[in-house]
Amino acid sequence: SPQQQHPTASEMSVRIAPLGALCRGVGSVLEKIGAGMADNFTRETLNRHREVMAVADKKPVIADSCFIAPSANIMGTVEVGKKSSVWYGAVMNGDQASISVGSESIIKDLAMLTTGNGAVKIGNNVVIGAGAVINGATVEDDAVVGAGATLGDKVVVGKGAYVAPGATVEPGTSVPAGQVFGGNPAAALRALSEEETAQLSAAKGAYVELGTYHMEELRKSALEIEQDKSDRKWDEERSQDYDSHIGILQNTRAQVW
């Protein structure tokens, strides 16, 4: 009998092509059916994080020179003055009443300012410590509220006063200017010394400057970020001491564009 001839690769491709087209068609139909069935039962919604968000007609007003951390939340009727900063995880909720923050004030990480029982007023050069909770209270210029402290409704912290970390100031309390309040419930402990006031002022200034650095970093373009990575890698791999001995010029920065 004559030797059986096997089809060539091109012949096999021609024979299989219709089957492949059929499989793709069936797969496309099944995909549409499955997507339709899924829509009838579940629908996944993606909400992007927004640092600054309006609530109905209540819209925050933020000065251009402020640093607002990417993970902070500012919503509703909120006003933040020049060179102030709102740090990582802090929440300022002005959906029920207003929140105002003066110039060069610092709302540190995870602090919470709420308006369920009235407006919140924060003066100039104020520090609200990490994790502090401010409920419808007023904090006057140059005052400091320590980390984890709580201010109840209608509390007034006087100019230059200091609420100690972890203190709980009961609703309606007035903290006199220049005084240290601490404890639970908080009470007057003593007056701040001139040295302590100067130290607090210096620390505030350093934090305002730090906020500027963070703001500049966040505003960098993708290209500038890649250039920074290249520069750091270059600095790690080069030995300036060795280069100076063999006479290599130092200004040989690698460009990423």
C-alpha atoms as a PDB file:
ATOM      1  CA  SER A   1       0.000   0.000   0.000  1.00  0.00           C
ATOM      2  CA  PRO A   2       1.180   3.541  -0.657  1.00  0.00           C
ATOM      3  CA  GLN A   3       2.945   5.240   2.305  1.00  0.00           C
ATOM      4  CA  GLN A   4       0.523   7.368   4.372  1.00  0.00           C
ATOM      5  CA  GLN A   5       1.165  11.113   3.967  1.00  0.00           C
ATOM      6  CA  HIS A   6       1.050  13.277   7.113  1.00  0.00           C
ATOM      7  CA  PRO A   7      -0.377  16.798   6.759  1.00  0.00           C
ATOM      8  CA  THR A   8       2.089  19.653   6.904  1.00  0.00           C
ATOM      9  CA  ALA A   9       2.027  22.314   9.639  1.00  0.00           C
ATOM     10  CA  SER A  10       0.360  24.829   7.335  1.00  0.00           C
ATOM     11  CA  GLU A  11      -2.322  22.290   6.395  1.00  0.00           C
ATOM     12  CA  MET A  12      -2.987  21.525  10.074  1.00  0.00           C
ATOM     13  CA  SER A  13      -3.257  25.252  10.791  1.00  0.00           C
ATOM     14  CA  VAL A  14      -5.897  25.634   8.094  1.00  0.00           C
ATOM     15  CA  ARG A  15      -7.884  22.665   9.426  1.00  0.00           C
ATOM     16  CA  ILE A  16      -7.740  23.813  13.080  1.00  0.00           C
ATOM     17  CA  ALA A  17      -8.512  27.491  12.427  1.00  0.00           C
ATOM     18  CA  PRO A  18     -12.325  27.020  12.270  1.00  0.00           C
ATOM     19  CA  LEU A  19     -12.265  25.056  15.529  1.00  0.00           C
ATOM     20  CA  GLY A  20     -10.243  27.809  17.201  1.00  0.00           C
ATOM     21  CA  ALA A  21     -12.671  30.460  16.001  1.00  0.00           C
ATOM     22  CA  LEU A  22     -15.576  28.402  17.331  1.00  0.00           C
ATOM     23  CA  CYS A  23     -13.931  28.050  20.763  1.00  0.00           C
ATOM     24  CA  ARG A  24     -13.250  31.780  20.962  1.00  0.00           C
ATOM     25  CA  GLY A  25     -16.832  32.552  20.033  1.00  0.00           C
ATOM     26  CA  VAL A  26     -18.209  30.204  22.677  1.00  0.00           C
ATOM     27  CA  GLY A  27     -15.825  31.667  25.262  1.00  0.00           C
ATOM     28  CA  SER A  28     -16.952  35.223  24.449  1.00  0.00           C
ATOM     29  CA  VAL A  29     -20.602  34.261  24.856  1.00  0.00           C
ATOM     30  CA  LEU A  30     -19.924  32.555  28.184  1.00  0.00           C
ATOM     31  CA  GLU A  31     -17.993  35.620  29.402  1.00  0.00           C
ATOM     32  CA  LYS A  32     -20.945  37.890  28.640  1.00  0.00           C
ATOM     33  CA  ILE A  33     -23.388  35.533  30.352  1.00  0.00           C
ATOM     34  CA  GLY A  34     -21.166  35.271  33.436  1.00  0.00           C
ATOM     35  CA  ALA A  35     -20.694  39.055  33.653  1.00  0.00           C
ATOM     36  CA  GLY A  36     -24.450  39.570  33.386  1.00  0.00           C
ATOM     37  CA  MET A  37     -25.118  37.059  36.155  1.00  0.00           C
ATOM     38  CA  ALA A  38     -22.506  38.686  38.400  1.00  0.00           C
ATOM     39  CA  ASP A  39     -24.043  42.142  37.915  1.00  0.00           C
ATOM     40  CA  ASN A  40     -27.362  40.794  39.127  1.00  0.00           C
ATOM     41  CA  PHE A  41     -25.870  39.768  42.475  1.00  0.00           C
ATOM     42  CA  THR A  42     -22.739  41.800  43.214  1.00  0.00           C
ATOM     43  CA  ARG A  43     -21.293  45.077  42.057  1.00  0.00           C
ATOM     44  CA  GLU A  44     -17.861  46.260  43.195  1.00  0.00           C
ATOM     45  CA  THR A  45     -17.537  50.015  43.733  1.00  0.00           C
ATOM     46  CA  LEU A  46     -14.141  51.705  43.847  1.00  0.00           C
ATOM     47  CA  ASN A  47     -13.934  54.954  45.829  1.00  0.00           C
ATOM     48  CA  ARG A  48     -10.644  56.802  45.685  1.00  0.00           C
ATOM     49  CA  HIS A  49      -9.346  58.474  48.843  1.00  0.00           C
ATOM     50  CA  ARG A  50      -9.733  62.259  48.919  1.00  0.00           C
ATOM     51  CA  GLU A  51      -7.824  64.309  51.476  1.00  0.00           C
ATOM     52  CA  VAL A  52     -10.183  67.278  51.023  1.00  0.00           C
ATOM     53  CA  MET A  53     -13.875  66.629  50.421  1.00  0.00           C
ATOM     54  CA  ALA A  54     -17.010  68.755  50.255  1.00  0.00           C
ATOM     55  CA  VAL A  55     -20.179  67.640  52.055  1.00  0.00           C
ATOM     56  CA  ALA A  56     -23.198  68.927  50.119  1.00  0.00           C
ATOM     57  CA  ASP A  57     -22.561  72.699  49.878  1.00  0.00           C
ATOM     58  CA  LYS A  58     -19.991  72.700  52.701  1.00  0.00           C
ATOM     59  CA  LYS A  59     -16.555  72.956  51.126  1.00  0.00           C
ATOM     60  CA  PRO A  60     -13.122  73.170  52.830  1.00  0.00           C
ATOM     61  CA  VAL A  61     -10.919  76.189  52.137  1.00  0.00           C
ATOM     62  CA  ILE A  62      -7.208  75.369  52.365  1.00  0.00           C
ATOM     63  CA  ALA A  63      -4.361  77.861  51.901  1.00  0.00           C
ATOM     64  CA  ASP A  64      -1.922  76.938  49.122  1.00  0.00           C
ATOM     65  CA  SER A  65       1.018  76.960  51.537  1.00  0.00           C
ATOM     66  CA  CYS A  66      -0.490  74.236  53.771  1.00  0.00           C
ATOM     67  CA  PHE A  67       0.771  70.686  53.956  1.00  0.00           C
ATOM     68  CA  ILE A  68      -2.095  68.182  53.908  1.00  0.00           C
ATOM     69  CA  ALA A  69      -0.901  64.581  54.281  1.00  0.00           C
ATOM     70  CA  PRO A  70      -2.217  62.085  51.702  1.00  0.00           C
ATOM     71  CA  SER A  71      -3.935  60.004  54.378  1.00  0.00           C
ATOM     72  CA  ALA A  72      -5.579  62.936  56.184  1.00  0.00           C
ATOM     73  CA  ASN A  73      -9.325  63.630  55.882  1.00  0.00           C
ATOM     74  CA  ILE A  74     -10.718  67.173  55.771  1.00  0.00           C
ATOM     75  CA  MET A  75     -14.413  67.484  55.043  1.00  0.00           C
ATOM     76  CA  GLY A  76     -17.222  70.000  55.273  1.00  0.00           C
ATOM     77  CA  THR A  77     -16.896  73.591  56.501  1.00  0.00           C
ATOM     78  CA  VAL A  78     -13.198  73.696  57.314  1.00  0.00           C
ATOM     79  CA  GLU A  79     -10.741  76.555  56.884  1.00  0.00           C
ATOM     80  CA  VAL A  80      -6.979  76.082  57.278  1.00  0.00           C
ATOM     81  CA  GLY A  81      -4.671  79.106  57.347  1.00  0.00           C
ATOM     82  CA  LYS A  82      -1.261  79.768  55.803  1.00  0.00           C
ATOM     83  CA  LYS A  83       1.637  77.390  56.492  1.00  0.00           C
ATOM     84  CA  SER A  84      -0.455  75.157  58.734  1.00  0.00           C
ATOM     85  CA  SER A  85      -0.151  71.390  58.427  1.00  0.00           C
ATOM     86  CA  VAL A  86      -2.489  68.441  58.821  1.00  0.00           C
ATOM     87  CA  TRP A  87      -0.512  65.258  59.297  1.00  0.00           C
ATOM     88  CA  TYR A  88      -0.989  61.578  58.469  1.00  0.00           C
ATOM     89  CA  GLY A  89      -4.271  60.015  59.534  1.00  0.00           C
ATOM     90  CA  ALA A  90      -5.685  63.219  61.056  1.00  0.00           C
ATOM     91  CA  VAL A  91      -9.433  63.841  60.645  1.00  0.00           C
ATOM     92  CA  MET A  92     -11.184  67.231  60.549  1.00  0.00           C
ATOM     93  CA  ASN A  93     -14.934  66.693  60.194  1.00  0.00           C
ATOM     94  CA  GLY A  94     -16.849  69.912  59.605  1.00  0.00           C
ATOM     95  CA  ASP A  95     -20.053  68.341  58.336  1.00  0.00           C
ATOM     96  CA  GLN A  96     -22.206  69.660  61.228  1.00  0.00           C
ATOM     97  CA  ALA A  97     -20.458  72.890  62.254  1.00  0.00           C
ATOM     98  CA  SER A  98     -17.360  74.813  61.207  1.00  0.00           C
ATOM     99  CA  ILE A  99     -13.696  74.149  61.943  1.00  0.00           C
ATOM    100  CA  SER A 100     -11.190  76.974  61.636  1.00  0.00           C
ATOM    101  CA  VAL A 101      -7.423  76.668  61.953  1.00  0.00           C
ATOM    102  CA  GLY A 102      -5.174  79.725  61.982  1.00  0.00           C
ATOM    103  CA  SER A 103      -1.729  80.232  60.470  1.00  0.00           C
ATOM    104  CA  GLU A 104       1.310  78.023  61.187  1.00  0.00           C
ATOM    105  CA  SER A 105      -0.703  75.632  63.335  1.00  0.00           C
ATOM    106  CA  ILE A 106      -0.033  71.903  63.438  1.00  0.00           C
ATOM    107  CA  ILE A 107      -2.613  69.117  63.540  1.00  0.00           C
ATOM    108  CA  LYS A 108      -0.484  66.058  64.204  1.00  0.00           C
ATOM    109  CA  ASP A 109      -0.918  62.434  63.184  1.00  0.00           C
ATOM    110  CA  LEU A 110      -4.254  60.746  64.011  1.00  0.00           C
ATOM    111  CA  ALA A 111      -5.689  63.816  65.744  1.00  0.00           C
ATOM    112  CA  MET A 112      -9.475  64.140  65.441  1.00  0.00           C
ATOM    113  CA  LEU A 113     -11.433  67.397  65.318  1.00  0.00           C
ATOM    114  CA  THR A 114     -15.213  66.878  65.425  1.00  0.00           C
ATOM    115  CA  THR A 115     -18.168  69.263  65.403  1.00  0.00           C
ATOM    116  CA  GLY A 116     -21.076  67.175  66.653  1.00  0.00           C
ATOM    117  CA  ASN A 117     -21.646  69.573  69.564  1.00  0.00           C
ATOM    118  CA  GLY A 118     -20.385  72.868  68.145  1.00  0.00           C
ATOM    119  CA  ALA A 119     -17.689  74.614  66.140  1.00  0.00           C
ATOM    120  CA  VAL A 120     -13.969  74.020  66.625  1.00  0.00           C
ATOM    121  CA  LYS A 121     -11.676  77.055  66.669  1.00  0.00           C
ATOM    122  CA  ILE A 122      -7.903  76.643  66.525  1.00  0.00           C
ATOM    123  CA  GLY A 123      -5.789  79.803  66.681  1.00  0.00           C
ATOM    124  CA  ASN A 124      -2.374  80.679  65.244  1.00  0.00           C
ATOM    125  CA  ASN A 125       0.817  78.778  66.158  1.00  0.00           C
ATOM    126  CA  VAL A 126      -1.144  76.037  67.901  1.00  0.00           C
ATOM    127  CA  VAL A 127      -0.090  72.395  68.214  1.00  0.00           C
ATOM    128  CA  ILE A 128      -2.719  69.648  68.435  1.00  0.00           C
ATOM    129  CA  GLY A 129      -0.787  66.542  69.464  1.00  0.00           C
ATOM    130  CA  ALA A 130      -0.894  63.103  67.872  1.00  0.00           C
ATOM    131  CA  GLY A 131      -4.117  61.252  68.664  1.00  0.00           C
ATOM    132  CA  ALA A 132      -5.724  64.185  70.474  1.00  0.00           C
ATOM    133  CA  VAL A 133      -9.526  64.528  70.266  1.00  0.00           C
ATOM    134  CA  ILE A 134     -11.104  67.988  70.041  1.00  0.00           C
ATOM    135  CA  ASN A 135     -14.897  68.060  70.460  1.00  0.00           C
ATOM    136  CA  GLY A 136     -16.402  71.484  69.724  1.00  0.00           C
ATOM    137  CA  ALA A 137     -13.653  73.306  71.661  1.00  0.00           C
ATOM    138  CA  THR A 138     -11.561  76.480  71.245  1.00  0.00           C
ATOM    139  CA  VAL A 139      -7.759  76.531  71.416  1.00  0.00           C
ATOM    140  CA  GLU A 140      -6.285  80.031  71.419  1.00  0.00           C
ATOM    141  CA  ASP A 141      -3.002  81.253  69.900  1.00  0.00           C
ATOM    142  CA  ASP A 142       0.310  79.609  70.885  1.00  0.00           C
ATOM    143  CA  ALA A 143      -1.355  76.883  72.962  1.00  0.00           C
ATOM    144  CA  VAL A 144      -0.371  73.203  72.916  1.00  0.00           C
ATOM    145  CA  VAL A 145      -2.667  70.203  73.323  1.00  0.00           C
ATOM    146  CA  GLY A 146      -0.557  67.148  74.101  1.00  0.00           C
ATOM    147  CA  ALA A 147      -0.695  63.748  72.441  1.00  0.00           C
ATOM    148  CA  GLY A 148      -3.782  61.708  73.293  1.00  0.00           C
ATOM    149  CA  ALA A 149      -5.469  64.526  75.208  1.00  0.00           C
ATOM    150  CA  THR A 150      -9.245  65.059  74.957  1.00  0.00           C
ATOM    151  CA  LEU A 151     -11.044  68.405  75.011  1.00  0.00           C
ATOM    152  CA  GLY A 152     -14.773  68.217  75.742  1.00  0.00           C
ATOM    153  CA  ASP A 153     -17.519  70.454  74.363  1.00  0.00           C
ATOM    154  CA  LYS A 154     -17.089  74.213  74.843  1.00  0.00           C
ATOM    155  CA  VAL A 155     -13.644  73.873  76.424  1.00  0.00           C
ATOM    156  CA  VAL A 156     -11.505  77.005  75.993  1.00  0.00           C
ATOM    157  CA  VAL A 157      -7.719  76.611  76.137  1.00  0.00           C
ATOM    158  CA  GLY A 158      -6.200  80.042  76.766  1.00  0.00           C
ATOM    159  CA  LYS A 159      -3.328  81.699  74.912  1.00  0.00           C
ATOM    160  CA  GLY A 160      -0.023  79.906  75.419  1.00  0.00           C
ATOM    161  CA  ALA A 161      -1.510  77.242  77.719  1.00  0.00           C
ATOM    162  CA  TYR A 162      -0.359  73.624  77.750  1.00  0.00           C
ATOM    163  CA  VAL A 163      -2.675  70.616  78.077  1.00  0.00           C
ATOM    164  CA  ALA A 164      -0.543  67.640  79.101  1.00  0.00           C
ATOM    165  CA  PRO A 165      -0.491  64.416  77.044  1.00  0.00           C
ATOM    166  CA  GLY A 166      -3.361  62.071  77.897  1.00  0.00           C
ATOM    167  CA  ALA A 167      -5.276  64.698  79.868  1.00  0.00           C
ATOM    168  CA  THR A 168      -9.081  64.811  79.742  1.00  0.00           C
ATOM    169  CA  VAL A 169     -10.498  68.318  79.972  1.00  0.00           C
ATOM    170  CA  GLU A 170     -14.149  68.163  80.960  1.00  0.00           C
ATOM    171  CA  PRO A 171     -16.827  70.016  78.959  1.00  0.00           C
ATOM    172  CA  GLY A 172     -17.133  73.735  79.686  1.00  0.00           C
ATOM    173  CA  THR A 173     -13.699  74.022  81.334  1.00  0.00           C
ATOM    174  CA  SER A 174     -11.552  77.123  80.777  1.00  0.00           C
ATOM    175  CA  VAL A 175      -7.792  76.591  80.831  1.00  0.00           C
ATOM    176  CA  PRO A 176      -6.145  79.892  81.829  1.00  0.00           C
ATOM    177  CA  ALA A 177      -3.475  81.425  79.603  1.00  0.00           C
ATOM    178  CA  GLY A 178       0.049  80.170  80.228  1.00  0.00           C
ATOM    179  CA  GLN A 179      -1.042  77.382  82.558  1.00  0.00           C
ATOM    180  CA  VAL A 180      -0.273  73.652  82.510  1.00  0.00           C
ATOM    181  CA  PHE A 181      -3.345  71.434  82.798  1.00  0.00           C
ATOM    182  CA  GLY A 182      -3.078  67.691  83.328  1.00  0.00           C
ATOM    183  CA  GLY A 183      -4.811  64.620  84.716  1.00  0.00           C
ATOM    184  CA  ASN A 184      -8.217  62.973  84.340  1.00  0.00           C
ATOM    185  CA  PRO A 185     -10.199  65.047  84.928  1.00  0.00           C
ATOM    186  CA  ALA A 186      -7.652  67.720  84.076  1.00  0.00           C
ATOM    187  CA  ALA A 187      -6.830  70.426  86.589  1.00  0.00           C
ATOM    188  CA  ALA A 188      -4.350  73.298  86.851  1.00  0.00           C
ATOM    189  CA  LEU A 189      -0.867  72.115  87.808  1.00  0.00           C
ATOM    190  CA  ARG A 190       1.346  75.192  87.511  1.00  0.00           C
ATOM    191  CA  ALA A 191       2.360  78.021  85.214  1.00  0.00           C
ATOM    192  CA  LEU A 192       4.667  77.451  82.232  1.00  0.00           C
ATOM    193  CA  SER A 193       8.149  78.856  82.721  1.00  0.00           C
ATOM    194  CA  GLU A 194       9.706  81.239  80.224  1.00  0.00           C
ATOM    195  CA  GLU A 195      12.219  78.536  79.295  1.00  0.00           C
ATOM    196  CA  GLU A 196       9.454  76.012  78.600  1.00  0.00           C
ATOM    197  CA  THR A 197       7.560  78.541  76.491  1.00  0.00           C
ATOM    198  CA  ALA A 198      10.682  79.222  74.433  1.00  0.00           C
ATOM    199  CA  GLN A 199      11.294  75.475  73.926  1.00  0.00           C
ATOM    200  CA  LEU A 200       7.709  74.928  72.766  1.00  0.00           C
ATOM    201  CA  SER A 201       7.972  77.855  70.356  1.00  0.00           C
ATOM    202  CA  ALA A 202      11.189  76.464  68.844  1.00  0.00           C
ATOM    203  CA  ALA A 203       9.623  73.018  68.449  1.00  0.00           C
ATOM    204  CA  LYS A 204       6.614  74.528  66.662  1.00  0.00           C
ATOM    205  CA  GLY A 205       8.873  76.397  64.234  1.00  0.00           C
ATOM    206  CA  ALA A 206      10.791  73.212  63.413  1.00  0.00           C
ATOM    207  CA  TYR A 207       7.541  71.362  62.734  1.00  0.00           C
ATOM    208  CA  VAL A 208       6.281  74.121  60.414  1.00  0.00           C
ATOM    209  CA  GLU A 209       9.514  73.811  58.441  1.00  0.00           C
ATOM    210  CA  LEU A 210       9.179  70.013  58.374  1.00  0.00           C
ATOM    211  CA  GLY A 211       5.698  70.388  56.935  1.00  0.00           C
ATOM    212  CA  THR A 212       7.164  72.465  54.097  1.00  0.00           C
ATOM    213  CA  TYR A 213       9.606  69.647  53.256  1.00  0.00           C
ATOM    214  CA  HIS A 214       6.793  67.095  53.166  1.00  0.00           C
ATOM    215  CA  MET A 215       4.667  69.356  50.971  1.00  0.00           C
ATOM    216  CA  GLU A 216       7.510  69.845  48.477  1.00  0.00           C
ATOM    217  CA  GLU A 217       8.114  66.098  48.319  1.00  0.00           C
ATOM    218  CA  LEU A 218       4.455  65.331  47.641  1.00  0.00           C
ATOM    219  CA  ARG A 219       4.341  67.871  44.805  1.00  0.00           C
ATOM    220  CA  LYS A 220       7.222  66.292  42.908  1.00  0.00           C
ATOM    221  CA  SER A 221       6.541  64.877  39.458  1.00  0.00           C
ATOM    222  CA  ALA A 222       7.175  61.215  38.602  1.00  0.00           C
ATOM    223  CA  LEU A 223      10.333  62.285  36.748  1.00  0.00           C
ATOM    224  CA  GLU A 224      11.667  64.194  39.758  1.00  0.00           C
ATOM    225  CA  ILE A 225      11.043  61.172  41.995  1.00  0.00           C
ATOM    226  CA  GLU A 226      12.968  58.907  39.603  1.00  0.00           C
ATOM    227  CA  GLN A 227      15.819  61.435  39.518  1.00  0.00           C
ATOM    228  CA  ASP A 228      15.967  61.397  43.327  1.00  0.00           C
ATOM    229  CA  LYS A 229      16.193  57.599  43.279  1.00  0.00           C
ATOM    230  CA  SER A 230      19.006  57.774  40.740  1.00  0.00           C
ATOM    231  CA  ASP A 231      20.870  60.353  42.809  1.00  0.00           C
ATOM    232  CA  ARG A 232      20.599  58.262  45.986  1.00  0.00           C
ATOM    233  CA  LYS A 233      21.838  55.173  44.177  1.00  0.00           C
ATOM    234  CA  TRP A 234      24.723  57.167  42.705  1.00  0.00           C
ATOM    235  CA  ASP A 235      25.715  58.477  46.144  1.00  0.00           C
ATOM    236  CA  GLU A 236      25.603  54.969  47.632  1.00  0.00           C
ATOM    237  CA  GLU A 237      27.819  53.481  44.920  1.00  0.00           C
ATOM    238  CA  ARG A 238      30.412  56.256  44.664  1.00  0.00           C
ATOM    239  CA  SER A 239      33.266  56.821  47.078  1.00  0.00           C
ATOM    240  CA  GLN A 240      34.150  60.504  47.162  1.00  0.00           C
ATOM    241  CA  ASP A 241      37.374  59.792  49.007  1.00  0.00           C
ATOM    242  CA  TYR A 242      38.518  57.344  46.312  1.00  0.00           C
ATOM    243  CA  ASP A 243      37.415  59.653  43.512  1.00  0.00           C
ATOM    244  CA  SER A 244      39.376  62.572  44.943  1.00  0.00           C
ATOM    245  CA  HIS A 245      42.563  60.487  44.970  1.00  0.00           C
ATOM    246  CA  ILE A 246      42.326  59.446  41.332  1.00  0.00           C
ATOM    247  CA  GLY A 247      41.181  62.861  40.133  1.00  0.00           C
ATOM    248  CA  ILE A 248      37.650  62.047  38.939  1.00  0.00           C
ATOM    249  CA  LEU A 249      35.357  65.042  38.647  1.00  0.00           C
ATOM    250  CA  GLN A 250      32.490  64.841  41.125  1.00  0.00           C
ATOM    251  CA  ASN A 251      29.764  66.563  39.102  1.00  0.00           C
ATOM    252  CA  THR A 252      28.930  63.551  36.938  1.00  0.00           C
ATOM    253  CA  ARG A 253      25.324  63.115  38.024  1.00  0.00           C
ATOM    254  CA  ALA A 254      23.413  60.502  36.024  1.00  0.00           C
ATOM    255  CA  GLN A 255      20.320  61.973  34.347  1.00  0.00           C
ATOM    256  CA  VAL A 256      17.144  59.898  34.023  1.00  0.00           C
ATOM    257  CA  TRP A 257      15.841  61.935  31.090  1.00  0.00           C
END
